[in-house]
Structures are given as structure tokens and as C-alpha cells.
């Protein structure tokens, strides 16, 4: 893992049906650059500044990741992929899919 890669990615909704993985500073910068100007605010600015400071080596990469995740949560685009989908945790049926 290089020094600009997050220890774990941040997943964000991009559009109605897509989820994008933000795994490093480059991904975060690209995503933030594309973010609509009319939706930017103080939390966006904080995330961008944290990424810039991490890029410059002034703060740990984890600070940038957490700031980006905080921005995603505030923008309601954060996707929690750690929560298992119901179909992934459904009880297994007996042999042949038939329960007795």
C-alpha cells in the first residue's frame, strides 16, 4: 500500500444506481473536483483541505479519509458496504432448497 492509499475505501453513491469506490487521495480529489459547485459548502471545503494537507504530508492519510467520509455522509451519498444485504445473510435451506 502506498502512502496515498486509504486503509479502507469509502464507497459513495454516484447517480441513482452506481456506487463508486474512493480508495486513495487521487480518487478523492477527482470526486471532489466533479462535485457540483452549487452543492459545495463548509464540509466540502474541510474534506478538500484535509486531502490537500494529507497530500502535502501535513496530516496522516487517515485524516483525509475520515474527512472525505464525513463529507459523503453529510451529502447523503455515503454507502455503508459493511452492512450485509439481507439476501447474503438469509438462513440456508436444507438439501435441495427444501426445508423440513
PDB file of N, CA and C in Angstrom:
ATOM      1  N   UNK A   1       0.854  -1.171   0.000  1.00  0.00           N
ATOM      2  CA  UNK A   1       0.000   0.000   0.000  1.00  0.00           C
ATOM      3  C   UNK A   1       0.902   1.236   0.000  1.00  0.00           C
ATOM      4  N   UNK A   2       0.623   2.186  -0.921  1.00  0.00           N
ATOM      5  CA  UNK A   2       1.454   3.384  -0.907  1.00  0.00           C
ATOM      6  C   UNK A   2       0.914   4.384   0.107  1.00  0.00           C
ATOM      7  N   UNK A   3       1.652   5.435   0.336  1.00  0.00           N
ATOM      8  CA  UNK A   3       1.311   6.380   1.389  1.00  0.00           C
ATOM      9  C   UNK A   3       0.111   7.265   1.057  1.00  0.00           C
ATOM     10  N   UNK A   4      -0.443   7.154  -0.128  1.00  0.00           N
ATOM     11  CA  UNK A   4      -1.603   7.966  -0.503  1.00  0.00           C
ATOM     12  C   UNK A   4      -2.854   7.119  -0.709  1.00  0.00           C
ATOM     13  N   UNK A   5      -2.802   5.869  -0.266  1.00  0.00           N
ATOM     14  CA  UNK A   5      -3.940   4.961  -0.365  1.00  0.00           C
ATOM     15  C   UNK A   5      -4.614   4.858   1.001  1.00  0.00           C
ATOM     16  N   UNK A   6      -5.936   4.919   1.009  1.00  0.00           N
ATOM     17  CA  UNK A   6      -6.687   4.798   2.261  1.00  0.00           C
ATOM     18  C   UNK A   6      -6.540   3.377   2.808  1.00  0.00           C
ATOM     19  N   UNK A   7      -6.594   3.236   4.129  1.00  0.00           N
ATOM     20  CA  UNK A   7      -6.501   1.903   4.727  1.00  0.00           C
ATOM     21  C   UNK A   7      -7.719   1.062   4.370  1.00  0.00           C
ATOM     22  N   UNK A   8      -8.838   1.700   4.122  1.00  0.00           N
ATOM     23  CA  UNK A   8     -10.043   1.040   3.601  1.00  0.00           C
ATOM     24  C   UNK A   8     -10.795   2.078   2.781  1.00  0.00           C
ATOM     25  N   UNK A   9     -11.389   1.659   1.683  1.00  0.00           N
ATOM     26  CA  UNK A   9     -12.034   2.624   0.795  1.00  0.00           C
ATOM     27  C   UNK A   9     -13.313   3.200   1.382  1.00  0.00           C
ATOM     28  N   UNK A  10     -13.708   4.315   0.817  1.00  0.00           N
ATOM     29  CA  UNK A  10     -15.004   4.939   1.113  1.00  0.00           C
ATOM     30  C   UNK A  10     -15.858   4.682  -0.116  1.00  0.00           C
ATOM     31  N   UNK A  11     -17.070   4.213   0.078  1.00  0.00           N
ATOM     32  CA  UNK A  11     -17.973   3.970  -1.043  1.00  0.00           C
ATOM     33  C   UNK A  11     -19.033   5.056  -1.057  1.00  0.00           C
ATOM     34  N   UNK A  12     -19.242   5.633  -2.234  1.00  0.00           N
ATOM     35  CA  UNK A  12     -20.214   6.722  -2.378  1.00  0.00           C
ATOM     36  C   UNK A  12     -21.170   6.414  -3.519  1.00  0.00           C
ATOM     37  N   UNK A  13     -22.392   6.862  -3.351  1.00  0.00           N
ATOM     38  CA  UNK A  13     -23.385   6.724  -4.411  1.00  0.00           C
ATOM     39  C   UNK A  13     -23.051   7.745  -5.492  1.00  0.00           C
ATOM     40  N   UNK A  14     -23.085   7.288  -6.712  1.00  0.00           N
ATOM     41  CA  UNK A  14     -22.852   8.173  -7.850  1.00  0.00           C
ATOM     42  C   UNK A  14     -23.996   7.924  -8.814  1.00  0.00           C
ATOM     43  N   UNK A  15     -24.952   8.805  -8.780  1.00  0.00           N
ATOM     44  CA  UNK A  15     -26.144   8.581  -9.566  1.00  0.00           C
ATOM     45  C   UNK A  15     -27.104   7.688  -8.805  1.00  0.00           C
ATOM     46  N   UNK A  16     -28.136   7.278  -9.506  1.00  0.00           N
ATOM     47  CA  UNK A  16     -29.185   6.502  -8.848  1.00  0.00           C
ATOM     48  C   UNK A  16     -28.812   5.042  -8.623  1.00  0.00           C
ATOM     49  N   UNK A  17     -28.007   4.473  -9.526  1.00  0.00           N
ATOM     50  CA  UNK A  17     -27.754   3.041  -9.463  1.00  0.00           C
ATOM     51  C   UNK A  17     -26.284   2.654  -9.356  1.00  0.00           C
ATOM     52  N   UNK A  18     -25.401   3.621  -9.192  1.00  0.00           N
ATOM     53  CA  UNK A  18     -23.975   3.305  -9.161  1.00  0.00           C
ATOM     54  C   UNK A  18     -23.362   3.637  -7.806  1.00  0.00           C
ATOM     55  N   UNK A  19     -22.377   2.837  -7.428  1.00  0.00           N
ATOM     56  CA  UNK A  19     -21.590   3.093  -6.227  1.00  0.00           C
ATOM     57  C   UNK A  19     -20.137   3.153  -6.672  1.00  0.00           C
ATOM     58  N   UNK A  20     -19.445   4.190  -6.238  1.00  0.00           N
ATOM     59  CA  UNK A  20     -18.044   4.376  -6.611  1.00  0.00           C
ATOM     60  C   UNK A  20     -17.153   4.151  -5.402  1.00  0.00           C
ATOM     61  N   UNK A  21     -16.041   3.483  -5.626  1.00  0.00           N
ATOM     62  CA  UNK A  21     -15.055   3.228  -4.583  1.00  0.00           C
ATOM     63  C   UNK A  21     -14.014   4.334  -4.608  1.00  0.00           C
ATOM     64  N   UNK A  22     -13.833   4.995  -3.465  1.00  0.00           N
ATOM     65  CA  UNK A  22     -12.800   6.016  -3.314  1.00  0.00           C
ATOM     66  C   UNK A  22     -11.726   5.388  -2.429  1.00  0.00           C
ATOM     67  N   UNK A  23     -10.612   4.981  -3.066  1.00  0.00           N
ATOM     68  CA  UNK A  23      -9.603   4.223  -2.346  1.00  0.00           C
ATOM     69  C   UNK A  23      -8.305   4.958  -2.068  1.00  0.00           C
ATOM     70  N   UNK A  24      -8.187   6.180  -2.589  1.00  0.00           N
ATOM     71  CA  UNK A  24      -6.939   6.903  -2.412  1.00  0.00           C
ATOM     72  C   UNK A  24      -7.186   8.406  -2.579  1.00  0.00           C
ATOM     73  N   UNK A  25      -6.148   9.178  -2.318  1.00  0.00           N
ATOM     74  CA  UNK A  25      -6.279  10.636  -2.457  1.00  0.00           C
ATOM     75  C   UNK A  25      -6.635  11.046  -3.878  1.00  0.00           C
ATOM     76  N   UNK A  26      -6.053  10.398  -4.871  1.00  0.00           N
ATOM     77  CA  UNK A  26      -6.352  10.748  -6.260  1.00  0.00           C
ATOM     78  C   UNK A  26      -7.841  10.569  -6.554  1.00  0.00           C
ATOM     79  N   UNK A  27      -8.429   9.469  -6.071  1.00  0.00           N
ATOM     80  CA  UNK A  27      -9.860   9.244  -6.260  1.00  0.00           C
ATOM     81  C   UNK A  27     -10.677  10.333  -5.573  1.00  0.00           C
ATOM     82  N   UNK A  28     -10.270  10.676  -4.351  1.00  0.00           N
ATOM     83  CA  UNK A  28     -10.992  11.697  -3.586  1.00  0.00           C
ATOM     84  C   UNK A  28     -10.917  13.042  -4.286  1.00  0.00           C
ATOM     85  N   UNK A  29      -9.728  13.430  -4.748  1.00  0.00           N
ATOM     86  CA  UNK A  29      -9.589  14.696  -5.469  1.00  0.00           C
ATOM     87  C   UNK A  29     -10.469  14.725  -6.714  1.00  0.00           C
ATOM     88  N   UNK A  30     -10.461  13.639  -7.470  1.00  0.00           N
ATOM     89  CA  UNK A  30     -11.261  13.582  -8.701  1.00  0.00           C
ATOM     90  C   UNK A  30     -12.750  13.725  -8.386  1.00  0.00           C
ATOM     91  N   UNK A  31     -13.194  13.009  -7.349  1.00  0.00           N
ATOM     92  CA  UNK A  31     -14.609  13.072  -6.974  1.00  0.00           C
ATOM     93  C   UNK A  31     -14.978  14.484  -6.517  1.00  0.00           C
ATOM     94  N   UNK A  32     -14.153  15.069  -5.674  1.00  0.00           N
ATOM     95  CA  UNK A  32     -14.436  16.409  -5.161  1.00  0.00           C
ATOM     96  C   UNK A  32     -14.408  17.455  -6.276  1.00  0.00           C
ATOM     97  N   UNK A  33     -13.528  17.281  -7.226  1.00  0.00           N
ATOM     98  CA  UNK A  33     -13.441  18.221  -8.343  1.00  0.00           C
ATOM     99  C   UNK A  33     -14.721  18.202  -9.179  1.00  0.00           C
ATOM    100  N   UNK A  34     -15.319  17.021  -9.302  1.00  0.00           N
ATOM    101  CA  UNK A  34     -16.538  16.867 -10.094  1.00  0.00           C
ATOM    102  C   UNK A  34     -17.805  17.259  -9.327  1.00  0.00           C
ATOM    103  N   UNK A  35     -17.681  17.450  -8.020  1.00  0.00           N
ATOM    104  CA  UNK A  35     -18.856  17.767  -7.204  1.00  0.00           C
ATOM    105  C   UNK A  35     -19.438  19.116  -7.648  1.00  0.00           C
ATOM    106  N   UNK A  36     -20.752  19.212  -7.812  1.00  0.00           N
ATOM    107  CA  UNK A  36     -21.361  20.456  -8.293  1.00  0.00           C
ATOM    108  C   UNK A  36     -21.041  21.649  -7.379  1.00  0.00           C
ATOM    109  N   UNK A  37     -20.652  22.749  -7.996  1.00  0.00           N
ATOM    110  CA  UNK A  37     -20.277  23.955  -7.240  1.00  0.00           C
ATOM    111  C   UNK A  37     -21.407  24.460  -6.350  1.00  0.00           C
ATOM    112  N   UNK A  38     -22.633  24.334  -6.818  1.00  0.00           N
ATOM    113  CA  UNK A  38     -23.764  24.831  -6.025  1.00  0.00           C
ATOM    114  C   UNK A  38     -24.086  23.948  -4.824  1.00  0.00           C
ATOM    115  N   UNK A  39     -23.426  22.787  -4.708  1.00  0.00           N
ATOM    116  CA  UNK A  39     -23.644  21.903  -3.557  1.00  0.00           C
ATOM    117  C   UNK A  39     -22.449  21.888  -2.613  1.00  0.00           C
ATOM    118  N   UNK A  40     -21.457  22.714  -2.894  1.00  0.00           N
ATOM    119  CA  UNK A  40     -20.273  22.787  -2.039  1.00  0.00           C
ATOM    120  C   UNK A  40     -20.554  23.692  -0.849  1.00  0.00           C
ATOM    121  N   UNK A  41     -19.902  23.398   0.238  1.00  0.00           N
ATOM    122  CA  UNK A  41     -20.085  24.194   1.451  1.00  0.00           C
ATOM    123  C   UNK A  41     -18.928  23.950   2.397  1.00  0.00           C
ATOM    124  N   UNK A  42     -19.099  24.290   3.676  1.00  0.00           N
ATOM    125  CA  UNK A  42     -18.004  24.167   4.641  1.00  0.00           C
ATOM    126  C   UNK A  42     -17.502  22.732   4.836  1.00  0.00           C
ATOM    127  N   UNK A  43     -18.378  21.759   4.781  1.00  0.00           N
ATOM    128  CA  UNK A  43     -17.945  20.368   4.978  1.00  0.00           C
ATOM    129  C   UNK A  43     -17.168  19.895   3.753  1.00  0.00           C
ATOM    130  N   UNK A  44     -17.613  20.294   2.577  1.00  0.00           N
ATOM    131  CA  UNK A  44     -16.861  20.026   1.350  1.00  0.00           C
ATOM    132  C   UNK A  44     -15.475  20.648   1.455  1.00  0.00           C
ATOM    133  N   UNK A  45     -15.420  21.919   1.856  1.00  0.00           N
ATOM    134  CA  UNK A  45     -14.139  22.624   1.986  1.00  0.00           C
ATOM    135  C   UNK A  45     -13.209  21.928   2.969  1.00  0.00           C
ATOM    136  N   UNK A  46     -13.761  21.452   4.071  1.00  0.00           N
ATOM    137  CA  UNK A  46     -12.962  20.740   5.076  1.00  0.00           C
ATOM    138  C   UNK A  46     -12.382  19.459   4.491  1.00  0.00           C
ATOM    139  N   UNK A  47     -13.196  18.702   3.752  1.00  0.00           N
ATOM    140  CA  UNK A  47     -12.719  17.460   3.136  1.00  0.00           C
ATOM    141  C   UNK A  47     -11.619  17.752   2.118  1.00  0.00           C
ATOM    142  N   UNK A  48     -11.818  18.755   1.291  1.00  0.00           N
ATOM    143  CA  UNK A  48     -10.826  19.110   0.290  1.00  0.00           C
ATOM    144  C   UNK A  48      -9.515  19.559   0.947  1.00  0.00           C
ATOM    145  N   UNK A  49      -9.636  20.382   1.967  1.00  0.00           N
ATOM    146  CA  UNK A  49      -8.449  20.871   2.683  1.00  0.00           C
ATOM    147  C   UNK A  49      -7.705  19.708   3.359  1.00  0.00           C
ATOM    148  N   UNK A  50      -8.449  18.777   3.951  1.00  0.00           N
ATOM    149  CA  UNK A  50      -7.810  17.619   4.601  1.00  0.00           C
ATOM    150  C   UNK A  50      -7.070  16.767   3.573  1.00  0.00           C
ATOM    151  N   UNK A  51      -7.654  16.594   2.402  1.00  0.00           N
ATOM    152  CA  UNK A  51      -6.990  15.824   1.348  1.00  0.00           C
ATOM    153  C   UNK A  51      -5.726  16.544   0.880  1.00  0.00           C
ATOM    154  N   UNK A  52      -5.812  17.853   0.728  1.00  0.00           N
ATOM    155  CA  UNK A  52      -4.641  18.625   0.312  1.00  0.00           C
ATOM    156  C   UNK A  52      -3.521  18.544   1.350  1.00  0.00           C
ATOM    157  N   UNK A  53      -3.895  18.644   2.618  1.00  0.00           N
ATOM    158  CA  UNK A  53      -2.894  18.582   3.685  1.00  0.00           C
ATOM    159  C   UNK A  53      -2.278  17.186   3.781  1.00  0.00           C
ATOM    160  N   UNK A  54      -3.075  16.138   3.555  1.00  0.00           N
ATOM    161  CA  UNK A  54      -2.536  14.773   3.562  1.00  0.00           C
ATOM    162  C   UNK A  54      -1.593  14.580   2.373  1.00  0.00           C
ATOM    163  N   UNK A  55      -1.969  15.131   1.234  1.00  0.00           N
ATOM    164  CA  UNK A  55      -1.117  15.046   0.049  1.00  0.00           C
ATOM    165  C   UNK A  55       0.232  15.719   0.299  1.00  0.00           C
ATOM    166  N   UNK A  56       0.203  16.836   1.010  1.00  0.00           N
ATOM    167  CA  UNK A  56       1.424  17.574   1.331  1.00  0.00           C
ATOM    168  C   UNK A  56       2.196  16.974   2.507  1.00  0.00           C
ATOM    169  N   UNK A  57       1.636  15.925   3.144  1.00  0.00           N
ATOM    170  CA  UNK A  57       2.313  15.268   4.253  1.00  0.00           C
ATOM    171  C   UNK A  57       2.151  15.971   5.590  1.00  0.00           C
ATOM    172  N   UNK A  58       1.197  16.900   5.674  1.00  0.00           N
ATOM    173  CA  UNK A  58       0.997  17.646   6.913  1.00  0.00           C
ATOM    174  C   UNK A  58       0.103  16.919   7.915  1.00  0.00           C
ATOM    175  N   UNK A  59      -0.734  16.015   7.422  1.00  0.00           N
ATOM    176  CA  UNK A  59      -1.598  15.213   8.292  1.00  0.00           C
ATOM    177  C   UNK A  59      -1.592  13.777   7.775  1.00  0.00           C
ATOM    178  N   UNK A  60      -1.910  12.814   8.631  1.00  0.00           N
ATOM    179  CA  UNK A  60      -1.965  11.416   8.179  1.00  0.00           C
ATOM    180  C   UNK A  60      -3.071  11.217   7.140  1.00  0.00           C
ATOM    181  N   UNK A  61      -2.890  10.244   6.285  1.00  0.00           N
ATOM    182  CA  UNK A  61      -3.878   9.920   5.252  1.00  0.00           C
ATOM    183  C   UNK A  61      -5.227   9.562   5.873  1.00  0.00           C
ATOM    184  N   UNK A  62      -5.205   9.018   7.088  1.00  0.00           N
ATOM    185  CA  UNK A  62      -6.456   8.647   7.761  1.00  0.00           C
ATOM    186  C   UNK A  62      -7.326   9.872   8.037  1.00  0.00           C
ATOM    187  N   UNK A  63      -6.706  11.021   8.259  1.00  0.00           N
ATOM    188  CA  UNK A  63      -7.459  12.263   8.483  1.00  0.00           C
ATOM    189  C   UNK A  63      -8.223  12.628   7.215  1.00  0.00           C
ATOM    190  N   UNK A  64      -7.569  12.499   6.065  1.00  0.00           N
ATOM    191  CA  UNK A  64      -8.226  12.793   4.795  1.00  0.00           C
ATOM    192  C   UNK A  64      -9.372  11.826   4.540  1.00  0.00           C
ATOM    193  N   UNK A  65      -9.143  10.548   4.835  1.00  0.00           N
ATOM    194  CA  UNK A  65     -10.197   9.554   4.614  1.00  0.00           C
ATOM    195  C   UNK A  65     -11.422   9.863   5.469  1.00  0.00           C
ATOM    196  N   UNK A  66     -11.189  10.155   6.741  1.00  0.00           N
ATOM    197  CA  UNK A  66     -12.312  10.442   7.642  1.00  0.00           C
ATOM    198  C   UNK A  66     -13.032  11.726   7.242  1.00  0.00           C
ATOM    199  N   UNK A  67     -12.290  12.730   6.795  1.00  0.00           N
ATOM    200  CA  UNK A  67     -12.921  13.978   6.345  1.00  0.00           C
ATOM    201  C   UNK A  67     -13.752  13.726   5.091  1.00  0.00           C
ATOM    202  N   UNK A  68     -13.230  12.920   4.172  1.00  0.00           N
ATOM    203  CA  UNK A  68     -13.989  12.604   2.963  1.00  0.00           C
ATOM    204  C   UNK A  68     -15.244  11.810   3.315  1.00  0.00           C
ATOM    205  N   UNK A  69     -15.114  10.831   4.211  1.00  0.00           N
ATOM    206  CA  UNK A  69     -16.279  10.043   4.636  1.00  0.00           C
ATOM    207  C   UNK A  69     -17.311  10.937   5.311  1.00  0.00           C
ATOM    208  N   UNK A  70     -16.861  11.891   6.117  1.00  0.00           N
ATOM    209  CA  UNK A  70     -17.772  12.830   6.756  1.00  0.00           C
ATOM    210  C   UNK A  70     -18.512  13.679   5.739  1.00  0.00           C
ATOM    211  N   UNK A  71     -17.793  14.129   4.722  1.00  0.00           N
ATOM    212  CA  UNK A  71     -18.427  14.872   3.637  1.00  0.00           C
ATOM    213  C   UNK A  71     -19.487  14.008   2.956  1.00  0.00           C
ATOM    214  N   UNK A  72     -19.135  12.756   2.641  1.00  0.00           N
ATOM    215  CA  UNK A  72     -20.074  11.859   1.960  1.00  0.00           C
ATOM    216  C   UNK A  72     -21.329  11.628   2.799  1.00  0.00           C
ATOM    217  N   UNK A  73     -21.139  11.486   4.098  1.00  0.00           N
ATOM    218  CA  UNK A  73     -22.299  11.296   4.980  1.00  0.00           C
ATOM    219  C   UNK A  73     -23.173  12.544   5.004  1.00  0.00           C
ATOM    220  N   UNK A  74     -22.542  13.719   5.088  1.00  0.00           N
ATOM    221  CA  UNK A  74     -23.316  14.958   5.144  1.00  0.00           C
ATOM    222  C   UNK A  74     -24.054  15.213   3.831  1.00  0.00           C
ATOM    223  N   UNK A  75     -23.469  14.757   2.717  1.00  0.00           N
ATOM    224  CA  UNK A  75     -24.096  14.924   1.408  1.00  0.00           C
ATOM    225  C   UNK A  75     -25.093  13.797   1.115  1.00  0.00           C
ATOM    226  N   UNK A  76     -25.193  12.845   2.035  1.00  0.00           N
ATOM    227  CA  UNK A  76     -26.094  11.694   1.914  1.00  0.00           C
ATOM    228  C   UNK A  76     -25.783  10.826   0.701  1.00  0.00           C
ATOM    229  N   UNK A  77     -24.489  10.669   0.453  1.00  0.00           N
ATOM    230  CA  UNK A  77     -24.055   9.802  -0.642  1.00  0.00           C
ATOM    231  C   UNK A  77     -23.180   8.662  -0.127  1.00  0.00           C
ATOM    232  N   UNK A  78     -22.954   8.609   1.182  1.00  0.00           N
ATOM    233  CA  UNK A  78     -22.134   7.554   1.784  1.00  0.00           C
ATOM    234  C   UNK A  78     -22.865   6.232   1.666  1.00  0.00           C
ATOM    235  N   UNK A  79     -22.156   5.212   1.223  1.00  0.00           N
ATOM    236  CA  UNK A  79     -22.733   3.876   1.090  1.00  0.00           C
ATOM    237  C   UNK A  79     -22.014   2.949   2.048  1.00  0.00           C
ATOM    238  N   UNK A  80     -22.740   2.434   3.034  1.00  0.00           N
ATOM    239  CA  UNK A  80     -22.147   1.540   4.026  1.00  0.00           C
ATOM    240  C   UNK A  80     -22.165   0.113   3.480  1.00  0.00           C
ATOM    241  N   UNK A  81     -21.051  -0.299   2.912  1.00  0.00           N
ATOM    242  CA  UNK A  81     -20.991  -1.647   2.340  1.00  0.00           C
ATOM    243  C   UNK A  81     -20.656  -2.695   3.389  1.00  0.00           C
ATOM    244  N   UNK A  82     -20.359  -2.269   4.603  1.00  0.00           N
ATOM    245  CA  UNK A  82     -20.054  -3.246   5.649  1.00  0.00           C
ATOM    246  C   UNK A  82     -21.317  -3.922   6.158  1.00  0.00           C
ATOM    247  N   UNK A  83     -22.461  -3.290   5.958  1.00  0.00           N
ATOM    248  CA  UNK A  83     -23.723  -3.898   6.366  1.00  0.00           C
ATOM    249  C   UNK A  83     -24.110  -4.938   5.317  1.00  0.00           C
ATOM    250  N   UNK A  84     -24.289  -6.170   5.749  1.00  0.00           N
ATOM    251  CA  UNK A  84     -24.617  -7.242   4.814  1.00  0.00           C
ATOM    252  C   UNK A  84     -26.037  -7.079   4.290  1.00  0.00           C
ATOM    253  N   UNK A  85     -26.211  -7.378   3.036  1.00  0.00           N
ATOM    254  CA  UNK A  85     -27.534  -7.337   2.424  1.00  0.00           C
ATOM    255  C   UNK A  85     -28.341  -8.519   2.939  1.00  0.00           C
ATOM    256  N   UNK A  86     -29.657  -8.374   3.071  1.00  0.00           N
ATOM    257  CA  UNK A  86     -30.478  -9.464   3.614  1.00  0.00           C
ATOM    258  C   UNK A  86     -30.302 -10.784   2.871  1.00  0.00           C
ATOM    259  N   UNK A  87     -30.161 -10.742   1.568  1.00  0.00           N
ATOM    260  CA  UNK A  87     -30.011 -11.984   0.810  1.00  0.00           C
ATOM    261  C   UNK A  87     -28.675 -12.662   1.089  1.00  0.00           C
ATOM    262  N   UNK A  88     -27.725 -11.916   1.654  1.00  0.00           N
ATOM    263  CA  UNK A  88     -26.422 -12.501   1.963  1.00  0.00           C
ATOM    264  C   UNK A  88     -26.439 -13.239   3.297  1.00  0.00           C
ATOM    265  N   UNK A  89     -27.389 -12.917   4.144  1.00  0.00           N
ATOM    266  CA  UNK A  89     -27.391 -13.498   5.484  1.00  0.00           C
ATOM    267  C   UNK A  89     -28.618 -14.363   5.747  1.00  0.00           C
ATOM    268  N   UNK A  90     -29.431 -14.600   4.745  1.00  0.00           N
ATOM    269  CA  UNK A  90     -30.637 -15.412   4.930  1.00  0.00           C
ATOM    270  C   UNK A  90     -30.243 -16.822   5.352  1.00  0.00           C
ATOM    271  N   UNK A  91     -31.054 -17.432   6.205  1.00  0.00           N
ATOM    272  CA  UNK A  91     -30.726 -18.791   6.632  1.00  0.00           C
ATOM    273  C   UNK A  91     -30.705 -19.731   5.430  1.00  0.00           C
ATOM    274  N   UNK A  92     -29.780 -20.647   5.448  1.00  0.00           N
ATOM    275  CA  UNK A  92     -29.645 -21.616   4.361  1.00  0.00           C
ATOM    276  C   UNK A  92     -30.722 -22.680   4.507  1.00  0.00           C
ATOM    277  N   UNK A  93     -31.300 -23.025   3.389  1.00  0.00           N
ATOM    278  CA  UNK A  93     -32.318 -24.080   3.382  1.00  0.00           C
ATOM    279  C   UNK A  93     -31.614 -25.436   3.415  1.00  0.00           C
ATOM    280  N   UNK A  94     -32.372 -26.468   3.696  1.00  0.00           N
ATOM    281  CA  UNK A  94     -31.831 -27.821   3.709  1.00  0.00           C
ATOM    282  C   UNK A  94     -31.452 -28.279   2.305  1.00  0.00           C
ATOM    283  N   UNK A  95     -31.131 -29.532   2.153  1.00  0.00           N
ATOM    284  CA  UNK A  95     -30.733 -30.068   0.861  1.00  0.00           C
ATOM    285  C   UNK A  95     -31.762 -29.792  -0.203  1.00  0.00           C
ATOM    286  N   UNK A  96     -31.313 -29.341  -1.361  1.00  0.00           N
ATOM    287  CA  UNK A  96     -32.225 -29.120  -2.471  1.00  0.00           C
ATOM    288  C   UNK A  96     -33.079 -27.878  -2.291  1.00  0.00           C
ATOM    289  N   UNK A  97     -32.788 -27.062  -1.294  1.00  0.00           N
ATOM    290  CA  UNK A  97     -33.535 -25.830  -1.087  1.00  0.00           C
ATOM    291  C   UNK A  97     -34.870 -26.035  -0.396  1.00  0.00           C
ATOM    292  N   UNK A  98     -35.149 -27.258   0.054  1.00  0.00           N
ATOM    293  CA  UNK A  98     -36.412 -27.545   0.725  1.00  0.00           C
ATOM    294  C   UNK A  98     -36.177 -27.657   2.211  1.00  0.00           C
ATOM    295  N   UNK A  99     -36.953 -26.932   3.008  1.00  0.00           N
ATOM    296  CA  UNK A  99     -36.803 -27.024   4.458  1.00  0.00           C
ATOM    297  C   UNK A  99     -37.765 -28.071   4.978  1.00  0.00           C
ATOM    298  N   UNK A 100     -37.378 -28.708   6.043  1.00  0.00           N
ATOM    299  CA  UNK A 100     -38.255 -29.741   6.630  1.00  0.00           C
ATOM    300  C   UNK A 100     -38.709 -29.372   7.986  1.00  0.00           C
TER     301      UNK A 100
END
